[in-house]
Amino acid sequence: MTKIDEEPDDIPDTNECQEESEHPEPLVPMTFNMPRAWHTRFKLRATERGISMKALVLEIVGEWEEKQAKK
């Protein structure tokens, strides 16, 4: 999984639970609004997998980036 402007080796594994103070770079908040029903479905999917919503977002974006790189 790669993020914009980062090398693959510098990216923490989203499956590992890291305290924010241990993160390799400063974290910034990301806020956006979505329909309540979508939020509930998303939260349920994260809970079913036993991960945070943040970890699920990182995983999904990483997989999307990998798919786009193969095009």
PDB file of N, CA and C in Angstrom:
ATOM      1  N   MET A   1       0.851  -1.175   0.000  1.00  0.00           N
ATOM      2  CA  MET A   1       0.000   0.000   0.000  1.00  0.00           C
ATOM      3  C   MET A   1       0.887   1.226   0.000  1.00  0.00           C
ATOM      4  N   THR A   2       0.590   2.196  -0.840  1.00  0.00           N
ATOM      5  CA  THR A   2       1.353   3.435  -0.849  1.00  0.00           C
ATOM      6  C   THR A   2       0.432   4.616  -0.687  1.00  0.00           C
ATOM      7  N   LYS A   3       0.941   5.667  -0.082  1.00  0.00           N
ATOM      8  CA  LYS A   3       0.205   6.902   0.080  1.00  0.00           C
ATOM      9  C   LYS A   3       0.852   7.954  -0.797  1.00  0.00           C
ATOM     10  N   ILE A   4       0.139   8.985  -1.082  1.00  0.00           N
ATOM     11  CA  ILE A   4       0.667  10.064  -1.896  1.00  0.00           C
ATOM     12  C   ILE A   4       1.915  10.627  -1.236  1.00  0.00           C
ATOM     13  N   ASP A   5       2.963  10.859  -2.019  1.00  0.00           N
ATOM     14  CA  ASP A   5       4.219  11.465  -1.568  1.00  0.00           C
ATOM     15  C   ASP A   5       4.953  10.651  -0.503  1.00  0.00           C
ATOM     16  N   GLU A   6       4.752   9.345  -0.454  1.00  0.00           N
ATOM     17  CA  GLU A   6       5.479   8.513   0.501  1.00  0.00           C
ATOM     18  C   GLU A   6       6.035   7.300  -0.224  1.00  0.00           C
ATOM     19  N   GLU A   7       7.142   6.836   0.266  1.00  0.00           N
ATOM     20  CA  GLU A   7       7.737   5.616  -0.262  1.00  0.00           C
ATOM     21  C   GLU A   7       7.090   4.429   0.444  1.00  0.00           C
ATOM     22  N   PRO A   8       6.902   3.294  -0.239  1.00  0.00           N
ATOM     23  CA  PRO A   8       6.248   2.138   0.373  1.00  0.00           C
ATOM     24  C   PRO A   8       6.900   1.683   1.672  1.00  0.00           C
ATOM     25  N   ASP A   9       8.217   1.770   1.795  1.00  0.00           N
ATOM     26  CA  ASP A   9       8.899   1.306   3.005  1.00  0.00           C
ATOM     27  C   ASP A   9       8.650   2.205   4.206  1.00  0.00           C
ATOM     28  N   ASP A  10       8.180   3.422   3.988  1.00  0.00           N
ATOM     29  CA  ASP A  10       7.955   4.380   5.070  1.00  0.00           C
ATOM     30  C   ASP A  10       6.551   4.323   5.640  1.00  0.00           C
ATOM     31  N   ILE A  11       5.701   3.472   5.099  1.00  0.00           N
ATOM     32  CA  ILE A  11       4.304   3.459   5.494  1.00  0.00           C
ATOM     33  C   ILE A  11       4.065   2.386   6.547  1.00  0.00           C
ATOM     34  N   PRO A  12       3.462   2.767   7.688  1.00  0.00           N
ATOM     35  CA  PRO A  12       3.182   1.771   8.715  1.00  0.00           C
ATOM     36  C   PRO A  12       2.098   0.804   8.263  1.00  0.00           C
ATOM     37  N   ASP A  13       2.160  -0.430   8.741  1.00  0.00           N
ATOM     38  CA  ASP A  13       1.163  -1.444   8.445  1.00  0.00           C
ATOM     39  C   ASP A  13      -0.139  -1.029   9.110  1.00  0.00           C
ATOM     40  N   THR A  14      -1.232  -0.963   8.347  1.00  0.00           N
ATOM     41  CA  THR A  14      -2.509  -0.534   8.915  1.00  0.00           C
ATOM     42  C   THR A  14      -3.070  -1.571   9.870  1.00  0.00           C
ATOM     43  N   ASN A  15      -2.569  -2.789   9.828  1.00  0.00           N
ATOM     44  CA  ASN A  15      -3.050  -3.817  10.741  1.00  0.00           C
ATOM     45  C   ASN A  15      -2.416  -3.694  12.116  1.00  0.00           C
ATOM     46  N   GLU A  16      -1.327  -2.953  12.211  1.00  0.00           N
ATOM     47  CA  GLU A  16      -0.681  -2.753  13.493  1.00  0.00           C
ATOM     48  C   GLU A  16      -1.332  -1.571  14.180  1.00  0.00           C
ATOM     49  N   CYS A  17      -1.619  -1.731  15.459  1.00  0.00           N
ATOM     50  CA  CYS A  17      -2.219  -0.644  16.229  1.00  0.00           C
ATOM     51  C   CYS A  17      -1.091   0.217  16.776  1.00  0.00           C
ATOM     52  N   GLN A  18      -0.986   1.434  16.303  1.00  0.00           N
ATOM     53  CA  GLN A  18       0.054   2.360  16.746  1.00  0.00           C
ATOM     54  C   GLN A  18      -0.588   3.529  17.455  1.00  0.00           C
ATOM     55  N   GLU A  19      -0.002   3.912  18.570  1.00  0.00           N
ATOM     56  CA  GLU A  19      -0.443   5.128  19.230  1.00  0.00           C
ATOM     57  C   GLU A  19      -0.070   6.303  18.339  1.00  0.00           C
ATOM     58  N   GLU A  20      -0.867   7.357  18.356  1.00  0.00           N
ATOM     59  CA  GLU A  20      -0.587   8.506  17.505  1.00  0.00           C
ATOM     60  C   GLU A  20       0.770   9.120  17.826  1.00  0.00           C
ATOM     61  N   SER A  21       1.185   9.066  19.090  1.00  0.00           N
ATOM     62  CA  SER A  21       2.473   9.642  19.466  1.00  0.00           C
ATOM     63  C   SER A  21       3.640   8.852  18.881  1.00  0.00           C
ATOM     64  N   GLU A  22       3.406   7.609  18.455  1.00  0.00           N
ATOM     65  CA  GLU A  22       4.447   6.765  17.875  1.00  0.00           C
ATOM     66  C   GLU A  22       4.476   6.838  16.355  1.00  0.00           C
ATOM     67  N   HIS A  23       3.563   7.577  15.765  1.00  0.00           N
ATOM     68  CA  HIS A  23       3.472   7.647  14.304  1.00  0.00           C
ATOM     69  C   HIS A  23       4.703   8.357  13.759  1.00  0.00           C
ATOM     70  N   PRO A  24       5.228   7.904  12.610  1.00  0.00           N
ATOM     71  CA  PRO A  24       6.467   8.472  12.065  1.00  0.00           C
ATOM     72  C   PRO A  24       6.374   9.915  11.584  1.00  0.00           C
ATOM     73  N   GLU A  25       5.182  10.443  11.438  1.00  0.00           N
ATOM     74  CA  GLU A  25       5.031  11.827  11.003  1.00  0.00           C
ATOM     75  C   GLU A  25       3.817  12.431  11.700  1.00  0.00           C
ATOM     76  N   PRO A  26       3.721  13.754  11.736  1.00  0.00           N
ATOM     77  CA  PRO A  26       2.578  14.379  12.399  1.00  0.00           C
ATOM     78  C   PRO A  26       1.259  13.966  11.747  1.00  0.00           C
ATOM     79  N   LEU A  27       0.253  13.742  12.548  1.00  0.00           N
ATOM     80  CA  LEU A  27      -1.063  13.390  12.036  1.00  0.00           C
ATOM     81  C   LEU A  27      -1.939  14.643  12.015  1.00  0.00           C
ATOM     82  N   VAL A  28      -2.805  14.715  11.032  1.00  0.00           N
ATOM     83  CA  VAL A  28      -3.732  15.840  10.919  1.00  0.00           C
ATOM     84  C   VAL A  28      -5.154  15.288  10.872  1.00  0.00           C
ATOM     85  N   PRO A  29      -6.110  16.026  11.407  1.00  0.00           N
ATOM     86  CA  PRO A  29      -7.500  15.544  11.374  1.00  0.00           C
ATOM     87  C   PRO A  29      -8.069  15.614   9.967  1.00  0.00           C
ATOM     88  N   MET A  30      -8.981  14.712   9.692  1.00  0.00           N
ATOM     89  CA  MET A  30      -9.661  14.699   8.404  1.00  0.00           C
ATOM     90  C   MET A  30     -11.154  14.580   8.706  1.00  0.00           C
ATOM     91  N   THR A  31     -11.908  15.573   8.325  1.00  0.00           N
ATOM     92  CA  THR A  31     -13.327  15.603   8.652  1.00  0.00           C
ATOM     93  C   THR A  31     -14.148  15.791   7.391  1.00  0.00           C
ATOM     94  N   PHE A  32     -15.167  14.965   7.250  1.00  0.00           N
ATOM     95  CA  PHE A  32     -16.108  15.141   6.153  1.00  0.00           C
ATOM     96  C   PHE A  32     -17.450  14.563   6.581  1.00  0.00           C
ATOM     97  N   ASN A  33     -18.498  15.033   5.973  1.00  0.00           N
ATOM     98  CA  ASN A  33     -19.846  14.594   6.306  1.00  0.00           C
ATOM     99  C   ASN A  33     -20.345  13.589   5.286  1.00  0.00           C
ATOM    100  N   MET A  34     -21.147  12.650   5.770  1.00  0.00           N
ATOM    101  CA  MET A  34     -21.758  11.657   4.900  1.00  0.00           C
ATOM    102  C   MET A  34     -23.112  11.287   5.485  1.00  0.00           C
ATOM    103  N   PRO A  35     -23.979  10.671   4.701  1.00  0.00           N
ATOM    104  CA  PRO A  35     -25.283  10.275   5.227  1.00  0.00           C
ATOM    105  C   PRO A  35     -25.126   9.329   6.429  1.00  0.00           C
ATOM    106  N   ARG A  36     -26.004   9.470   7.401  1.00  0.00           N
ATOM    107  CA  ARG A  36     -25.930   8.660   8.616  1.00  0.00           C
ATOM    108  C   ARG A  36     -25.956   7.165   8.294  1.00  0.00           C
ATOM    109  N   ALA A  37     -26.782   6.748   7.351  1.00  0.00           N
ATOM    110  CA  ALA A  37     -26.870   5.322   7.006  1.00  0.00           C
ATOM    111  C   ALA A  37     -25.526   4.805   6.481  1.00  0.00           C
ATOM    112  N   TRP A  38     -24.844   5.603   5.666  1.00  0.00           N
ATOM    113  CA  TRP A  38     -23.531   5.191   5.146  1.00  0.00           C
ATOM    114  C   TRP A  38     -22.536   5.080   6.295  1.00  0.00           C
ATOM    115  N   HIS A  39     -22.537   6.052   7.186  1.00  0.00           N
ATOM    116  CA  HIS A  39     -21.639   6.040   8.341  1.00  0.00           C
ATOM    117  C   HIS A  39     -21.863   4.784   9.181  1.00  0.00           C
ATOM    118  N   THR A  40     -23.117   4.448   9.406  1.00  0.00           N
ATOM    119  CA  THR A  40     -23.439   3.257  10.194  1.00  0.00           C
ATOM    120  C   THR A  40     -22.933   1.990   9.515  1.00  0.00           C
ATOM    121  N   ARG A  41     -23.152   1.871   8.199  1.00  0.00           N
ATOM    122  CA  ARG A  41     -22.654   0.701   7.458  1.00  0.00           C
ATOM    123  C   ARG A  41     -21.139   0.618   7.524  1.00  0.00           C
ATOM    124  N   PHE A  42     -20.483   1.755   7.343  1.00  0.00           N
ATOM    125  CA  PHE A  42     -19.017   1.780   7.372  1.00  0.00           C
ATOM    126  C   PHE A  42     -18.493   1.368   8.747  1.00  0.00           C
ATOM    127  N   LYS A  43     -19.105   1.904   9.779  1.00  0.00           N
ATOM    128  CA  LYS A  43     -18.696   1.584  11.146  1.00  0.00           C
ATOM    129  C   LYS A  43     -18.910   0.097  11.433  1.00  0.00           C
ATOM    130  N   LEU A  44     -20.018  -0.458  10.969  1.00  0.00           N
ATOM    131  CA  LEU A  44     -20.276  -1.890  11.146  1.00  0.00           C
ATOM    132  C   LEU A  44     -19.221  -2.742  10.441  1.00  0.00           C
ATOM    133  N   ARG A  45     -18.840  -2.343   9.225  1.00  0.00           N
ATOM    134  CA  ARG A  45     -17.809  -3.106   8.491  1.00  0.00           C
ATOM    135  C   ARG A  45     -16.486  -3.104   9.249  1.00  0.00           C
ATOM    136  N   ALA A  46     -16.116  -1.962   9.800  1.00  0.00           N
ATOM    137  CA  ALA A  46     -14.873  -1.882  10.589  1.00  0.00           C
ATOM    138  C   ALA A  46     -14.977  -2.760  11.830  1.00  0.00           C
ATOM    139  N   THR A  47     -16.105  -2.682  12.510  1.00  0.00           N
ATOM    140  CA  THR A  47     -16.308  -3.468  13.725  1.00  0.00           C
ATOM    141  C   THR A  47     -16.283  -4.965  13.415  1.00  0.00           C
ATOM    142  N   GLU A  48     -16.899  -5.373  12.324  1.00  0.00           N
ATOM    143  CA  GLU A  48     -16.905  -6.785  11.929  1.00  0.00           C
ATOM    144  C   GLU A  48     -15.485  -7.310  11.729  1.00  0.00           C
ATOM    145  N   ARG A  49     -14.606  -6.445  11.237  1.00  0.00           N
ATOM    146  CA  ARG A  49     -13.217  -6.848  10.997  1.00  0.00           C
ATOM    147  C   ARG A  49     -12.327  -6.653  12.215  1.00  0.00           C
ATOM    148  N   GLY A  50     -12.875  -6.008  13.246  1.00  0.00           N
ATOM    149  CA  GLY A  50     -12.111  -5.789  14.470  1.00  0.00           C
ATOM    150  C   GLY A  50     -11.059  -4.705  14.327  1.00  0.00           C
ATOM    151  N   ILE A  51     -11.318  -3.719  13.445  1.00  0.00           N
ATOM    152  CA  ILE A  51     -10.374  -2.629  13.249  1.00  0.00           C
ATOM    153  C   ILE A  51     -11.104  -1.298  13.396  1.00  0.00           C
ATOM    154  N   SER A  52     -10.347  -0.229  13.531  1.00  0.00           N
ATOM    155  CA  SER A  52     -10.951   1.096  13.642  1.00  0.00           C
ATOM    156  C   SER A  52     -11.411   1.573  12.265  1.00  0.00           C
ATOM    157  N   MET A  53     -12.278   2.560  12.287  1.00  0.00           N
ATOM    158  CA  MET A  53     -12.719   3.164  11.034  1.00  0.00           C
ATOM    159  C   MET A  53     -11.537   3.800  10.313  1.00  0.00           C
ATOM    160  N   LYS A  54     -10.629   4.389  11.073  1.00  0.00           N
ATOM    161  CA  LYS A  54      -9.426   4.985  10.491  1.00  0.00           C
ATOM    162  C   LYS A  54      -8.603   3.927   9.763  1.00  0.00           C
ATOM    163  N   ALA A  55      -8.408   2.779  10.406  1.00  0.00           N
ATOM    164  CA  ALA A  55      -7.635   1.700   9.779  1.00  0.00           C
ATOM    165  C   ALA A  55      -8.322   1.204   8.517  1.00  0.00           C
ATOM    166  N   LEU A  56      -9.652   1.137   8.530  1.00  0.00           N
ATOM    167  CA  LEU A  56     -10.389   0.696   7.348  1.00  0.00           C
ATOM    168  C   LEU A  56     -10.231   1.696   6.204  1.00  0.00           C
ATOM    169  N   VAL A  57     -10.297   2.985   6.506  1.00  0.00           N
ATOM    170  CA  VAL A  57     -10.093   4.002   5.466  1.00  0.00           C
ATOM    171  C   VAL A  57      -8.700   3.851   4.859  1.00  0.00           C
ATOM    172  N   LEU A  58      -7.684   3.707   5.701  1.00  0.00           N
ATOM    173  CA  LEU A  58      -6.314   3.565   5.198  1.00  0.00           C
ATOM    174  C   LEU A  58      -6.174   2.318   4.327  1.00  0.00           C
ATOM    175  N   GLU A  59      -6.794   1.233   4.745  1.00  0.00           N
ATOM    176  CA  GLU A  59      -6.733  -0.008   3.970  1.00  0.00           C
ATOM    177  C   GLU A  59      -7.428   0.152   2.622  1.00  0.00           C
ATOM    178  N   ILE A  60      -8.600   0.735   2.639  1.00  0.00           N
ATOM    179  CA  ILE A  60      -9.372   0.914   1.403  1.00  0.00           C
ATOM    180  C   ILE A  60      -8.635   1.821   0.423  1.00  0.00           C
ATOM    181  N   VAL A  61      -8.108   2.936   0.903  1.00  0.00           N
ATOM    182  CA  VAL A  61      -7.384   3.855   0.022  1.00  0.00           C
ATOM    183  C   VAL A  61      -6.132   3.180  -0.528  1.00  0.00           C
ATOM    184  N   GLY A  62      -5.436   2.440   0.317  1.00  0.00           N
ATOM    185  CA  GLY A  62      -4.243   1.724  -0.142  1.00  0.00           C
ATOM    186  C   GLY A  62      -4.563   0.722  -1.237  1.00  0.00           C
ATOM    187  N   GLU A  63      -5.637  -0.035  -1.059  1.00  0.00           N
ATOM    188  CA  GLU A  63      -6.038  -1.005  -2.080  1.00  0.00           C
ATOM    189  C   GLU A  63      -6.458  -0.306  -3.361  1.00  0.00           C
ATOM    190  N   TRP A  64      -7.156   0.825  -3.230  1.00  0.00           N
ATOM    191  CA  TRP A  64      -7.560   1.589  -4.410  1.00  0.00           C
ATOM    192  C   TRP A  64      -6.335   2.089  -5.164  1.00  0.00           C
ATOM    193  N   GLU A  65      -5.339   2.598  -4.427  1.00  0.00           N
ATOM    194  CA  GLU A  65      -4.109   3.083  -5.075  1.00  0.00           C
ATOM    195  C   GLU A  65      -3.384   1.963  -5.793  1.00  0.00           C
ATOM    196  N   GLU A  66      -3.323   0.800  -5.185  1.00  0.00           N
ATOM    197  CA  GLU A  66      -2.669  -0.348  -5.839  1.00  0.00           C
ATOM    198  C   GLU A  66      -3.404  -0.706  -7.124  1.00  0.00           C
ATOM    199  N   LYS A  67      -4.741  -0.715  -7.074  1.00  0.00           N
ATOM    200  CA  LYS A  67      -5.533  -1.036  -8.260  1.00  0.00           C
ATOM    201  C   LYS A  67      -5.301   0.000  -9.363  1.00  0.00           C
ATOM    202  N   GLN A  68      -5.246   1.282  -8.993  1.00  0.00           N
ATOM    203  CA  GLN A  68      -5.021   2.336  -9.981  1.00  0.00           C
ATOM    204  C   GLN A  68      -3.630   2.231 -10.608  1.00  0.00           C
ATOM    205  N   ALA A  69      -2.651   1.818  -9.818  1.00  0.00           N
ATOM    206  CA  ALA A  69      -1.275   1.694 -10.323  1.00  0.00           C
ATOM    207  C   ALA A  69      -1.152   0.591 -11.366  1.00  0.00           C
ATOM    208  N   LYS A  70      -2.048  -0.388 -11.321  1.00  0.00           N
ATOM    209  CA  LYS A  70      -1.992  -1.509 -12.264  1.00  0.00           C
ATOM    210  C   LYS A  70      -2.666  -1.192 -13.590  1.00  0.00           C
ATOM    211  N   LYS A  71      -3.369  -0.065 -13.655  1.00  0.00           N
ATOM    212  CA  LYS A  71      -4.083   0.298 -14.904  1.00  0.00           C
ATOM    213  C   LYS A  71      -3.116   0.798 -15.937  1.00  0.00           C
TER     214      LYS A  71
END
